[in-house]
Amino acid sequence: MHDAGQLLDHWLALIEQDIADGWRAFYAREVWMREHLPAPLINGLGRALMVEQLRQKIGANGQPVLADDLAMLHEISQRQDLTGYRNYLQVGILSLQQRPAPLDLVADATVMRLLNTAHRHAEFEIKRNQANWYVESTARCTLTPPLITLPKEGKPAVRDDSEPLALDTRYWWNVYEPDHRVAMDCDNNGLFAPAVSLMLMAALAPDFPYAETLSTAKRLVFMQAGDSALAWAIVIEKIDGGRTFRYPPALLLIDRHLGKKLKEQHVLFHNVLTRHYFSDAISGQAAMELELRFHLPRYRRLIDVYRPYIAATQSAVQPLLA
């Protein structure tokens, strides 16, 4: 928690690397904001909020963090004498949406200006780009059948004058319809049984072999190879009573010698350098493969980021165990 600022810098660098590596589909909002917002993309107050949020997430260790961003922003502004929040990564709920609560007022003004002067709806433009880039990225997949895609419907965009322009969702969907409609492949979808996840992980992450003794029918655990006392685990699981395995998987730090089924109370540390990533894995095996091809290299880089902190912790604890 003390080094949250340093961790944030690592996270920002990873985002830049992911985008440079061609993973725009998972950063469609960030790419759009970078292209349209003036500098600075993140200022002092914007950074301070992210650092405080990261501290809270570290302290929660996997539990939900319930915080009022506006109240937190006000408190940080007063305490650190910072003003004029700017942060393209966390702009808040913009005025294009129901019940707006913008944090970045420059971002809000920018998207409203584009709406009113250029007839461009940022939210639907971002969703269109995301969907197109996601399908485009599946060209990287070589282990699974292609996604099933259908041509776009191309329905005419007709305004509903009873709705404000920003909230006329049917109109904007037709204006920004993606190039393809992705159909769910019910007959060839591996989300309902573990076999496909096991096959993909064996092919893409041999350094994380399947840990059968730690796994259950609803939780597949893949533990980092080695002999260290602590080990990173990649976990693909069914949650909330659902029938499908959830993607992307979680990155967790556990005791290598646990020797029993992995439960939440056994997790020593949850990866905190993450956010909600777009997922369409239910569409088919190619989507499952795509998301593993994106997230697995990120997890390996994150392990490198966390390594000195784990080493420092082990050094501090070892004398107590001697």
C-alpha atoms as a PDB file:
ATOM      1  CA  MET A   1       0.000   0.000   0.000  1.00  0.00           C
ATOM      2  CA  HIS A   2       2.922   2.295   0.749  1.00  0.00           C
ATOM      3  CA  ASP A   3       4.197   1.815  -2.823  1.00  0.00           C
ATOM      4  CA  ALA A   4       0.813   2.262  -4.534  1.00  0.00           C
ATOM      5  CA  GLY A   5       2.175   5.175  -6.567  1.00  0.00           C
ATOM      6  CA  GLN A   6       4.986   3.026  -7.929  1.00  0.00           C
ATOM      7  CA  LEU A   7       2.563   0.207  -8.699  1.00  0.00           C
ATOM      8  CA  LEU A   8       0.352   2.664 -10.566  1.00  0.00           C
ATOM      9  CA  ASP A   9       3.275   3.639 -12.781  1.00  0.00           C
ATOM     10  CA  HIS A  10       3.812  -0.033 -13.635  1.00  0.00           C
ATOM     11  CA  TRP A  11       0.109  -0.360 -14.459  1.00  0.00           C
ATOM     12  CA  LEU A  12       0.127   2.671 -16.751  1.00  0.00           C
ATOM     13  CA  ALA A  13       3.187   1.293 -18.535  1.00  0.00           C
ATOM     14  CA  LEU A  14       1.436  -2.057 -19.020  1.00  0.00           C
ATOM     15  CA  ILE A  15      -1.574  -0.311 -20.558  1.00  0.00           C
ATOM     16  CA  GLU A  16       0.686   1.480 -23.024  1.00  0.00           C
ATOM     17  CA  GLN A  17       2.434  -1.783 -23.878  1.00  0.00           C
ATOM     18  CA  ASP A  18      -0.857  -3.632 -24.414  1.00  0.00           C
ATOM     19  CA  ILE A  19      -2.116  -0.955 -26.799  1.00  0.00           C
ATOM     20  CA  ALA A  20       1.214  -0.881 -28.643  1.00  0.00           C
ATOM     21  CA  ASP A  21       0.999  -4.676 -28.990  1.00  0.00           C
ATOM     22  CA  GLY A  22      -2.272  -4.289 -30.900  1.00  0.00           C
ATOM     23  CA  TRP A  23      -4.804  -5.099 -28.177  1.00  0.00           C
ATOM     24  CA  ARG A  24      -7.083  -2.127 -28.945  1.00  0.00           C
ATOM     25  CA  ALA A  25     -10.191  -4.257 -28.473  1.00  0.00           C
ATOM     26  CA  PHE A  26      -9.573  -4.331 -24.716  1.00  0.00           C
ATOM     27  CA  TYR A  27      -8.812  -0.620 -24.476  1.00  0.00           C
ATOM     28  CA  ALA A  28     -11.341   0.873 -26.890  1.00  0.00           C
ATOM     29  CA  ARG A  29     -12.419   3.606 -24.456  1.00  0.00           C
ATOM     30  CA  GLU A  30      -8.859   4.549 -23.552  1.00  0.00           C
ATOM     31  CA  VAL A  31      -7.849   4.687 -27.235  1.00  0.00           C
ATOM     32  CA  TRP A  32     -10.813   6.935 -28.057  1.00  0.00           C
ATOM     33  CA  MET A  33     -10.126   9.259 -25.134  1.00  0.00           C
ATOM     34  CA  ARG A  34      -6.433   9.532 -26.000  1.00  0.00           C
ATOM     35  CA  GLU A  35      -7.332  10.532 -29.538  1.00  0.00           C
ATOM     36  CA  HIS A  36      -9.873  13.195 -28.602  1.00  0.00           C
ATOM     37  CA  LEU A  37      -8.942  14.725 -25.245  1.00  0.00           C
ATOM     38  CA  PRO A  38      -6.395  17.513 -24.882  1.00  0.00           C
ATOM     39  CA  ALA A  39      -3.309  17.159 -22.697  1.00  0.00           C
ATOM     40  CA  PRO A  40      -2.737  16.388 -19.927  1.00  0.00           C
ATOM     41  CA  LEU A  41      -4.508  13.056 -20.111  1.00  0.00           C
ATOM     42  CA  ILE A  42      -3.838  12.530 -16.388  1.00  0.00           C
ATOM     43  CA  ASN A  43      -2.997  15.402 -14.046  1.00  0.00           C
ATOM     44  CA  GLY A  44      -1.985  15.494 -10.389  1.00  0.00           C
ATOM     45  CA  LEU A  45      -5.499  15.113  -8.996  1.00  0.00           C
ATOM     46  CA  GLY A  46      -6.340  12.371 -11.479  1.00  0.00           C
ATOM     47  CA  ARG A  47      -3.280  10.422 -10.452  1.00  0.00           C
ATOM     48  CA  ALA A  48      -3.930  10.996  -6.735  1.00  0.00           C
ATOM     49  CA  LEU A  49      -7.405   9.468  -7.014  1.00  0.00           C
ATOM     50  CA  MET A  50      -6.057   6.358  -8.770  1.00  0.00           C
ATOM     51  CA  VAL A  51      -3.356   5.925  -6.111  1.00  0.00           C
ATOM     52  CA  GLU A  52      -5.933   6.141  -3.318  1.00  0.00           C
ATOM     53  CA  GLN A  53      -8.239   3.689  -5.103  1.00  0.00           C
ATOM     54  CA  LEU A  54      -5.314   1.297  -5.520  1.00  0.00           C
ATOM     55  CA  ARG A  55      -4.489   1.501  -1.808  1.00  0.00           C
ATOM     56  CA  GLN A  56      -8.064   0.653  -0.934  1.00  0.00           C
ATOM     57  CA  LYS A  57      -8.071  -2.264  -3.366  1.00  0.00           C
ATOM     58  CA  ILE A  58      -4.848  -3.655  -1.892  1.00  0.00           C
ATOM     59  CA  GLY A  59      -6.285  -3.387   1.608  1.00  0.00           C
ATOM     60  CA  ALA A  60      -9.518  -5.116   0.594  1.00  0.00           C
ATOM     61  CA  ASN A  61      -7.588  -8.101  -0.899  1.00  0.00           C
ATOM     62  CA  GLY A  62     -10.315  -9.360  -3.162  1.00  0.00           C
ATOM     63  CA  GLN A  63     -13.326  -8.048  -1.263  1.00  0.00           C
ATOM     64  CA  PRO A  64     -15.547  -5.376  -2.869  1.00  0.00           C
ATOM     65  CA  VAL A  65     -14.455  -1.786  -2.327  1.00  0.00           C
ATOM     66  CA  LEU A  66     -17.418   0.494  -1.701  1.00  0.00           C
ATOM     67  CA  ALA A  67     -16.351   4.103  -2.198  1.00  0.00           C
ATOM     68  CA  ASP A  68     -17.892   7.362  -3.362  1.00  0.00           C
ATOM     69  CA  ASP A  69     -15.516   8.621  -6.044  1.00  0.00           C
ATOM     70  CA  LEU A  70     -16.835  12.185  -5.905  1.00  0.00           C
ATOM     71  CA  ALA A  71     -16.501  12.349  -2.127  1.00  0.00           C
ATOM     72  CA  MET A  72     -13.029  10.789  -2.288  1.00  0.00           C
ATOM     73  CA  LEU A  73     -12.049  13.268  -4.994  1.00  0.00           C
ATOM     74  CA  HIS A  74     -13.199  16.196  -2.864  1.00  0.00           C
ATOM     75  CA  GLU A  75     -11.270  14.921   0.159  1.00  0.00           C
ATOM     76  CA  ILE A  76      -8.057  14.388  -1.846  1.00  0.00           C
ATOM     77  CA  SER A  77      -8.408  17.810  -3.467  1.00  0.00           C
ATOM     78  CA  GLN A  78      -8.668  19.476  -0.065  1.00  0.00           C
ATOM     79  CA  ARG A  79      -5.884  17.440   1.538  1.00  0.00           C
ATOM     80  CA  GLN A  80      -3.374  17.752  -1.305  1.00  0.00           C
ATOM     81  CA  ASP A  81      -4.427  21.171  -2.610  1.00  0.00           C
ATOM     82  CA  LEU A  82      -5.089  19.855  -6.122  1.00  0.00           C
ATOM     83  CA  THR A  83      -7.757  21.085  -8.530  1.00  0.00           C
ATOM     84  CA  GLY A  84      -9.118  20.476 -12.037  1.00  0.00           C
ATOM     85  CA  TYR A  85      -9.394  16.682 -12.126  1.00  0.00           C
ATOM     86  CA  ARG A  86      -8.185  15.166 -15.410  1.00  0.00           C
ATOM     87  CA  ASN A  87      -7.978  11.441 -16.026  1.00  0.00           C
ATOM     88  CA  TYR A  88      -8.789   9.826 -19.357  1.00  0.00           C
ATOM     89  CA  LEU A  89      -8.831   6.396 -17.670  1.00  0.00           C
ATOM     90  CA  GLN A  90     -11.580   7.354 -15.199  1.00  0.00           C
ATOM     91  CA  VAL A  91     -13.855  10.022 -16.650  1.00  0.00           C
ATOM     92  CA  GLY A  92     -16.966   9.102 -14.646  1.00  0.00           C
ATOM     93  CA  ILE A  93     -20.500   8.770 -16.040  1.00  0.00           C
ATOM     94  CA  LEU A  94     -20.652  11.277 -18.867  1.00  0.00           C
ATOM     95  CA  SER A  95     -23.655  13.399 -19.801  1.00  0.00           C
ATOM     96  CA  LEU A  96     -24.290  11.111 -22.774  1.00  0.00           C
ATOM     97  CA  GLN A  97     -25.784   8.615 -20.329  1.00  0.00           C
ATOM     98  CA  GLN A  98     -28.660   8.376 -17.888  1.00  0.00           C
ATOM     99  CA  ARG A  99     -27.954   9.908 -14.456  1.00  0.00           C
ATOM    100  CA  PRO A 100     -24.608  11.463 -15.416  1.00  0.00           C
ATOM    101  CA  ALA A 101     -21.907  11.941 -12.792  1.00  0.00           C
ATOM    102  CA  PRO A 102     -18.845  13.168 -14.692  1.00  0.00           C
ATOM    103  CA  LEU A 103     -15.504  13.303 -12.911  1.00  0.00           C
ATOM    104  CA  ASP A 104     -13.440  14.685 -15.799  1.00  0.00           C
ATOM    105  CA  LEU A 105     -15.300  17.821 -16.888  1.00  0.00           C
ATOM    106  CA  VAL A 106     -13.025  18.342 -19.900  1.00  0.00           C
ATOM    107  CA  ALA A 107     -13.893  14.851 -21.152  1.00  0.00           C
ATOM    108  CA  ASP A 108     -17.578  15.546 -20.594  1.00  0.00           C
ATOM    109  CA  ALA A 109     -17.414  18.847 -22.479  1.00  0.00           C
ATOM    110  CA  THR A 110     -15.514  17.183 -25.321  1.00  0.00           C
ATOM    111  CA  VAL A 111     -17.995  14.363 -25.898  1.00  0.00           C
ATOM    112  CA  MET A 112     -20.965  16.752 -25.721  1.00  0.00           C
ATOM    113  CA  ARG A 113     -19.334  19.123 -28.215  1.00  0.00           C
ATOM    114  CA  LEU A 114     -18.757  16.226 -30.626  1.00  0.00           C
ATOM    115  CA  LEU A 115     -22.370  15.139 -30.172  1.00  0.00           C
ATOM    116  CA  ASN A 116     -23.818  18.573 -30.883  1.00  0.00           C
ATOM    117  CA  THR A 117     -21.432  19.827 -33.561  1.00  0.00           C
ATOM    118  CA  ALA A 118     -20.157  16.695 -35.312  1.00  0.00           C
ATOM    119  CA  HIS A 119     -23.066  14.284 -34.731  1.00  0.00           C
ATOM    120  CA  ARG A 120     -20.786  11.774 -33.020  1.00  0.00           C
ATOM    121  CA  HIS A 121     -21.851   9.750 -30.002  1.00  0.00           C
ATOM    122  CA  ALA A 122     -18.697   8.752 -28.111  1.00  0.00           C
ATOM    123  CA  GLU A 123     -20.211   5.795 -26.248  1.00  0.00           C
ATOM    124  CA  PHE A 124     -21.617   4.080 -29.336  1.00  0.00           C
ATOM    125  CA  GLU A 125     -18.541   4.900 -31.393  1.00  0.00           C
ATOM    126  CA  ILE A 126     -16.406   3.231 -28.724  1.00  0.00           C
ATOM    127  CA  LYS A 127     -18.679   0.167 -28.634  1.00  0.00           C
ATOM    128  CA  ARG A 128     -18.544  -0.116 -32.439  1.00  0.00           C
ATOM    129  CA  ASN A 129     -14.748   0.087 -32.444  1.00  0.00           C
ATOM    130  CA  GLN A 130     -14.506  -2.439 -29.617  1.00  0.00           C
ATOM    131  CA  ALA A 131     -16.704  -4.979 -31.395  1.00  0.00           C
ATOM    132  CA  ASN A 132     -14.867  -4.580 -34.705  1.00  0.00           C
ATOM    133  CA  TRP A 133     -11.429  -4.791 -33.125  1.00  0.00           C
ATOM    134  CA  TYR A 134     -12.415  -7.847 -31.073  1.00  0.00           C
ATOM    135  CA  VAL A 135     -13.444  -9.825 -34.157  1.00  0.00           C
ATOM    136  CA  GLU A 136     -10.354  -8.567 -35.994  1.00  0.00           C
ATOM    137  CA  SER A 137      -8.116  -9.776 -33.133  1.00  0.00           C
ATOM    138  CA  THR A 138      -9.411 -13.344 -33.382  1.00  0.00           C
ATOM    139  CA  ALA A 139      -7.151 -13.697 -36.439  1.00  0.00           C
ATOM    140  CA  ARG A 140      -4.448 -14.396 -33.827  1.00  0.00           C
ATOM    141  CA  CYS A 141      -6.231 -17.572 -32.751  1.00  0.00           C
ATOM    142  CA  THR A 142      -4.862 -20.817 -34.207  1.00  0.00           C
ATOM    143  CA  LEU A 143      -6.122 -23.462 -31.770  1.00  0.00           C
ATOM    144  CA  THR A 144      -9.895 -23.097 -32.113  1.00  0.00           C
ATOM    145  CA  PRO A 145     -12.614 -22.843 -34.771  1.00  0.00           C
ATOM    146  CA  PRO A 146     -13.330 -19.308 -36.028  1.00  0.00           C
ATOM    147  CA  LEU A 147     -16.108 -17.237 -34.517  1.00  0.00           C
ATOM    148  CA  ILE A 148     -19.470 -17.475 -36.212  1.00  0.00           C
ATOM    149  CA  THR A 149     -20.177 -14.032 -37.635  1.00  0.00           C
ATOM    150  CA  LEU A 150     -23.136 -12.698 -39.568  1.00  0.00           C
ATOM    151  CA  PRO A 151     -23.256  -9.559 -41.719  1.00  0.00           C
ATOM    152  CA  LYS A 152     -24.611  -6.448 -40.053  1.00  0.00           C
ATOM    153  CA  GLU A 153     -28.294  -5.781 -40.493  1.00  0.00           C
ATOM    154  CA  GLY A 154     -27.830  -2.257 -41.817  1.00  0.00           C
ATOM    155  CA  LYS A 155     -31.149  -0.949 -40.549  1.00  0.00           C
ATOM    156  CA  PRO A 156     -31.843   2.719 -41.298  1.00  0.00           C
ATOM    157  CA  ALA A 157     -31.078   5.123 -38.482  1.00  0.00           C
ATOM    158  CA  VAL A 158     -34.322   6.932 -37.633  1.00  0.00           C
ATOM    159  CA  ARG A 159     -34.532   9.453 -34.820  1.00  0.00           C
ATOM    160  CA  ASP A 160     -37.055   9.124 -32.016  1.00  0.00           C
ATOM    161  CA  ASP A 161     -37.928  12.772 -31.384  1.00  0.00           C
ATOM    162  CA  SER A 162     -39.412  11.908 -27.990  1.00  0.00           C
ATOM    163  CA  GLU A 163     -35.904  11.057 -26.746  1.00  0.00           C
ATOM    164  CA  PRO A 164     -33.027  13.496 -26.239  1.00  0.00           C
ATOM    165  CA  LEU A 165     -30.401  13.019 -28.952  1.00  0.00           C
ATOM    166  CA  ALA A 166     -27.803  11.608 -26.535  1.00  0.00           C
ATOM    167  CA  LEU A 167     -30.243   8.999 -25.163  1.00  0.00           C
ATOM    168  CA  ASP A 168     -31.796   7.804 -28.435  1.00  0.00           C
ATOM    169  CA  THR A 169     -30.055   4.444 -28.161  1.00  0.00           C
ATOM    170  CA  ARG A 170     -31.791   2.650 -31.046  1.00  0.00           C
ATOM    171  CA  TYR A 171     -30.861   5.458 -33.412  1.00  0.00           C
ATOM    172  CA  TRP A 172     -27.213   5.518 -32.390  1.00  0.00           C
ATOM    173  CA  TRP A 173     -26.937   1.717 -32.478  1.00  0.00           C
ATOM    174  CA  ASN A 174     -27.988   1.800 -36.129  1.00  0.00           C
ATOM    175  CA  VAL A 175     -25.599   4.678 -36.859  1.00  0.00           C
ATOM    176  CA  TYR A 176     -22.678   2.805 -35.269  1.00  0.00           C
ATOM    177  CA  GLU A 177     -23.623  -0.811 -35.948  1.00  0.00           C
ATOM    178  CA  PRO A 178     -20.497  -3.032 -35.902  1.00  0.00           C
ATOM    179  CA  ASP A 179     -19.339  -4.617 -39.146  1.00  0.00           C
ATOM    180  CA  HIS A 180     -20.286  -8.086 -37.897  1.00  0.00           C
ATOM    181  CA  ARG A 181     -22.801  -9.718 -35.611  1.00  0.00           C
ATOM    182  CA  VAL A 182     -21.181 -12.442 -33.550  1.00  0.00           C
ATOM    183  CA  ALA A 183     -23.383 -15.488 -32.976  1.00  0.00           C
ATOM    184  CA  MET A 184     -23.027 -17.675 -29.898  1.00  0.00           C
ATOM    185  CA  ASP A 185     -21.668 -21.086 -30.888  1.00  0.00           C
ATOM    186  CA  CYS A 186     -23.771 -23.309 -28.620  1.00  0.00           C
ATOM    187  CA  ASP A 187     -22.585 -26.557 -30.205  1.00  0.00           C
ATOM    188  CA  ASN A 188     -18.898 -25.771 -30.005  1.00  0.00           C
ATOM    189  CA  ASN A 189     -18.588 -23.632 -26.905  1.00  0.00           C
ATOM    190  CA  GLY A 190     -16.209 -24.816 -24.219  1.00  0.00           C
ATOM    191  CA  LEU A 191     -17.569 -22.584 -21.475  1.00  0.00           C
ATOM    192  CA  PHE A 192     -19.926 -25.276 -20.216  1.00  0.00           C
ATOM    193  CA  ALA A 193     -17.263 -27.940 -19.595  1.00  0.00           C
ATOM    194  CA  PRO A 194     -13.617 -27.696 -18.543  1.00  0.00           C
ATOM    195  CA  ALA A 195     -12.085 -29.566 -21.502  1.00  0.00           C
ATOM    196  CA  VAL A 196     -11.513 -26.516 -23.721  1.00  0.00           C
ATOM    197  CA  SER A 197     -10.088 -24.381 -20.922  1.00  0.00           C
ATOM    198  CA  LEU A 198      -7.721 -27.230 -20.009  1.00  0.00           C
ATOM    199  CA  MET A 199      -6.637 -27.616 -23.635  1.00  0.00           C
ATOM    200  CA  LEU A 200      -6.053 -23.903 -24.139  1.00  0.00           C
ATOM    201  CA  MET A 201      -4.104 -23.462 -20.914  1.00  0.00           C
ATOM    202  CA  ALA A 202      -1.923 -26.499 -21.685  1.00  0.00           C
ATOM    203  CA  ALA A 203      -1.074 -25.025 -25.088  1.00  0.00           C
ATOM    204  CA  LEU A 204      -0.720 -21.355 -24.125  1.00  0.00           C
ATOM    205  CA  ALA A 205       0.551 -21.586 -20.540  1.00  0.00           C
ATOM    206  CA  PRO A 206       2.662 -24.729 -20.023  1.00  0.00           C
ATOM    207  CA  ASP A 207       4.411 -22.786 -17.240  1.00  0.00           C
ATOM    208  CA  PHE A 208       1.093 -22.982 -15.338  1.00  0.00           C
ATOM    209  CA  PRO A 209       0.209 -26.693 -15.271  1.00  0.00           C
ATOM    210  CA  TYR A 210      -3.224 -27.807 -14.121  1.00  0.00           C
ATOM    211  CA  ALA A 211      -3.355 -28.341 -10.358  1.00  0.00           C
ATOM    212  CA  GLU A 212      -5.984 -31.042 -10.061  1.00  0.00           C
ATOM    213  CA  THR A 213      -5.704 -31.375  -6.271  1.00  0.00           C
ATOM    214  CA  LEU A 214      -6.555 -27.684  -5.840  1.00  0.00           C
ATOM    215  CA  SER A 215      -9.364 -27.674  -8.405  1.00  0.00           C
ATOM    216  CA  THR A 216     -13.056 -28.501  -8.277  1.00  0.00           C
ATOM    217  CA  ALA A 217     -15.745 -29.039 -10.889  1.00  0.00           C
ATOM    218  CA  LYS A 218     -16.424 -25.293 -10.765  1.00  0.00           C
ATOM    219  CA  ARG A 219     -12.899 -23.945 -10.193  1.00  0.00           C
ATOM    220  CA  LEU A 220      -9.952 -24.820 -12.444  1.00  0.00           C
ATOM    221  CA  VAL A 221      -6.613 -23.932 -10.843  1.00  0.00           C
ATOM    222  CA  PHE A 222      -3.384 -23.663 -12.833  1.00  0.00           C
ATOM    223  CA  MET A 223      -0.358 -23.223 -10.556  1.00  0.00           C
ATOM    224  CA  GLN A 224       2.952 -21.728 -11.604  1.00  0.00           C
ATOM    225  CA  ALA A 225       5.657 -24.373 -11.964  1.00  0.00           C
ATOM    226  CA  GLY A 226       8.552 -24.268  -9.507  1.00  0.00           C
ATOM    227  CA  ASP A 227       9.472 -25.078  -5.926  1.00  0.00           C
ATOM    228  CA  SER A 228       9.047 -21.732  -4.145  1.00  0.00           C
ATOM    229  CA  ALA A 229       6.879 -21.592  -1.031  1.00  0.00           C
ATOM    230  CA  LEU A 230       4.480 -19.151  -2.687  1.00  0.00           C
ATOM    231  CA  ALA A 231       3.090 -19.606  -6.161  1.00  0.00           C
ATOM    232  CA  TRP A 232       0.952 -17.649  -8.561  1.00  0.00           C
ATOM    233  CA  ALA A 233      -2.229 -19.334  -9.716  1.00  0.00           C
ATOM    234  CA  ILE A 234      -4.453 -18.610 -12.689  1.00  0.00           C
ATOM    235  CA  VAL A 235      -8.036 -19.551 -11.855  1.00  0.00           C
ATOM    236  CA  ILE A 236     -10.918 -20.079 -14.277  1.00  0.00           C
ATOM    237  CA  GLU A 237     -14.178 -20.626 -12.437  1.00  0.00           C
ATOM    238  CA  LYS A 238     -17.944 -20.684 -12.517  1.00  0.00           C
ATOM    239  CA  ILE A 239     -19.432 -18.078 -10.205  1.00  0.00           C
ATOM    240  CA  ASP A 240     -22.812 -17.085  -8.808  1.00  0.00           C
ATOM    241  CA  GLY A 241     -24.311 -20.450  -9.645  1.00  0.00           C
ATOM    242  CA  GLY A 242     -23.730 -19.916 -13.363  1.00  0.00           C
ATOM    243  CA  ARG A 243     -23.257 -22.723 -15.866  1.00  0.00           C
ATOM    244  CA  THR A 244     -20.347 -21.148 -17.727  1.00  0.00           C
ATOM    245  CA  PHE A 245     -16.700 -20.657 -16.819  1.00  0.00           C
ATOM    246  CA  ARG A 246     -15.860 -17.010 -16.346  1.00  0.00           C
ATOM    247  CA  TYR A 247     -13.297 -15.208 -18.502  1.00  0.00           C
ATOM    248  CA  PRO A 248     -10.879 -13.583 -18.036  1.00  0.00           C
ATOM    249  CA  PRO A 249      -9.335 -15.796 -15.342  1.00  0.00           C
ATOM    250  CA  ALA A 250      -8.102 -14.416 -12.028  1.00  0.00           C
ATOM    251  CA  LEU A 251      -4.454 -14.087 -11.005  1.00  0.00           C
ATOM    252  CA  LEU A 252      -3.930 -15.076  -7.352  1.00  0.00           C
ATOM    253  CA  LEU A 253      -1.018 -15.688  -5.009  1.00  0.00           C
ATOM    254  CA  ILE A 254      -1.324 -18.889  -2.958  1.00  0.00           C
ATOM    255  CA  ASP A 255       0.671 -21.301  -0.790  1.00  0.00           C
ATOM    256  CA  ARG A 256       2.218 -23.842  -3.143  1.00  0.00           C
ATOM    257  CA  HIS A 257       1.878 -26.623  -0.557  1.00  0.00           C
ATOM    258  CA  LEU A 258      -1.782 -26.006   0.230  1.00  0.00           C
ATOM    259  CA  GLY A 259      -2.663 -29.659  -0.449  1.00  0.00           C
ATOM    260  CA  LYS A 260      -6.447 -29.168  -0.557  1.00  0.00           C
ATOM    261  CA  LYS A 261      -9.121 -27.534  -2.677  1.00  0.00           C
ATOM    262  CA  LEU A 262      -8.436 -23.832  -3.158  1.00  0.00           C
ATOM    263  CA  LYS A 263     -10.971 -21.656  -1.365  1.00  0.00           C
ATOM    264  CA  GLU A 264     -11.237 -17.907  -1.045  1.00  0.00           C
ATOM    265  CA  GLN A 265      -9.747 -17.886   2.471  1.00  0.00           C
ATOM    266  CA  HIS A 266      -6.603 -19.550   1.112  1.00  0.00           C
ATOM    267  CA  VAL A 267      -5.785 -16.696  -1.292  1.00  0.00           C
ATOM    268  CA  LEU A 268      -2.860 -14.665   0.027  1.00  0.00           C
ATOM    269  CA  PHE A 269      -3.088 -11.850  -2.539  1.00  0.00           C
ATOM    270  CA  HIS A 270      -5.413 -10.886  -5.377  1.00  0.00           C
ATOM    271  CA  ASN A 271      -3.989  -9.080  -8.394  1.00  0.00           C
ATOM    272  CA  VAL A 272      -4.966  -5.412  -8.018  1.00  0.00           C
ATOM    273  CA  LEU A 273      -3.512  -4.006 -11.251  1.00  0.00           C
ATOM    274  CA  THR A 274      -6.597  -4.745 -13.259  1.00  0.00           C
ATOM    275  CA  ARG A 275     -10.033  -3.451 -14.141  1.00  0.00           C
ATOM    276  CA  HIS A 276     -13.161  -4.698 -15.895  1.00  0.00           C
ATOM    277  CA  TYR A 277     -12.076  -5.975 -19.307  1.00  0.00           C
ATOM    278  CA  PHE A 278     -14.482  -6.515 -22.170  1.00  0.00           C
ATOM    279  CA  SER A 279     -15.255 -10.199 -22.608  1.00  0.00           C
ATOM    280  CA  ASP A 280     -17.279 -12.009 -25.244  1.00  0.00           C
ATOM    281  CA  ALA A 281     -16.036 -15.504 -24.407  1.00  0.00           C
ATOM    282  CA  ILE A 282     -19.562 -16.910 -24.503  1.00  0.00           C
ATOM    283  CA  SER A 283     -19.484 -16.468 -28.291  1.00  0.00           C
ATOM    284  CA  GLY A 284     -17.225 -19.441 -28.831  1.00  0.00           C
ATOM    285  CA  GLN A 285     -13.889 -21.116 -28.342  1.00  0.00           C
ATOM    286  CA  ALA A 286     -12.035 -18.573 -30.478  1.00  0.00           C
ATOM    287  CA  ALA A 287     -13.095 -15.850 -28.051  1.00  0.00           C
ATOM    288  CA  MET A 288     -11.848 -17.947 -25.122  1.00  0.00           C
ATOM    289  CA  GLU A 289      -8.506 -18.387 -26.880  1.00  0.00           C
ATOM    290  CA  LEU A 290      -8.323 -14.696 -27.774  1.00  0.00           C
ATOM    291  CA  GLU A 291      -8.809 -13.603 -24.196  1.00  0.00           C
ATOM    292  CA  LEU A 292      -6.175 -16.004 -22.900  1.00  0.00           C
ATOM    293  CA  ARG A 293      -3.753 -14.787 -25.574  1.00  0.00           C
ATOM    294  CA  PHE A 294      -4.314 -11.249 -24.270  1.00  0.00           C
ATOM    295  CA  HIS A 295      -4.338 -11.875 -20.530  1.00  0.00           C
ATOM    296  CA  LEU A 296      -1.623 -14.535 -20.097  1.00  0.00           C
ATOM    297  CA  PRO A 297       1.263 -12.295 -21.266  1.00  0.00           C
ATOM    298  CA  ARG A 298      -0.123  -9.542 -19.021  1.00  0.00           C
ATOM    299  CA  TYR A 299      -0.112 -11.896 -16.049  1.00  0.00           C
ATOM    300  CA  ARG A 300       3.494 -12.860 -16.663  1.00  0.00           C
ATOM    301  CA  ARG A 301       4.478  -9.182 -16.753  1.00  0.00           C
ATOM    302  CA  LEU A 302       2.454  -8.527 -13.602  1.00  0.00           C
ATOM    303  CA  ILE A 303       4.264 -11.342 -11.811  1.00  0.00           C
ATOM    304  CA  ASP A 304       7.515  -9.545 -12.608  1.00  0.00           C
ATOM    305  CA  VAL A 305       6.066  -6.327 -11.158  1.00  0.00           C
ATOM    306  CA  TYR A 306       5.053  -8.049  -7.919  1.00  0.00           C
ATOM    307  CA  ARG A 307       8.251 -10.115  -7.538  1.00  0.00           C
ATOM    308  CA  PRO A 308      10.274  -7.615  -5.433  1.00  0.00           C
ATOM    309  CA  TYR A 309       7.356  -7.076  -3.042  1.00  0.00           C
ATOM    310  CA  ILE A 310       6.961 -10.808  -2.493  1.00  0.00           C
ATOM    311  CA  ALA A 311      10.714 -11.197  -1.986  1.00  0.00           C
ATOM    312  CA  ALA A 312      10.702  -8.367   0.580  1.00  0.00           C
ATOM    313  CA  THR A 313       7.768  -9.936   2.434  1.00  0.00           C
ATOM    314  CA  GLN A 314       9.431 -13.335   2.546  1.00  0.00           C
ATOM    315  CA  SER A 315      12.666 -11.771   3.817  1.00  0.00           C
ATOM    316  CA  ALA A 316      10.768 -10.061   6.622  1.00  0.00           C
ATOM    317  CA  VAL A 317       8.812 -13.175   7.615  1.00  0.00           C
ATOM    318  CA  GLN A 318      11.643 -15.733   7.425  1.00  0.00           C
ATOM    319  CA  PRO A 319      13.348 -14.698  10.706  1.00  0.00           C
ATOM    320  CA  LEU A 320      10.026 -15.088  12.499  1.00  0.00           C
ATOM    321  CA  LEU A 321       9.678 -18.648  11.223  1.00  0.00           C
ATOM    322  CA  ALA A 322      13.249 -19.640  12.071  1.00  0.00           C
END
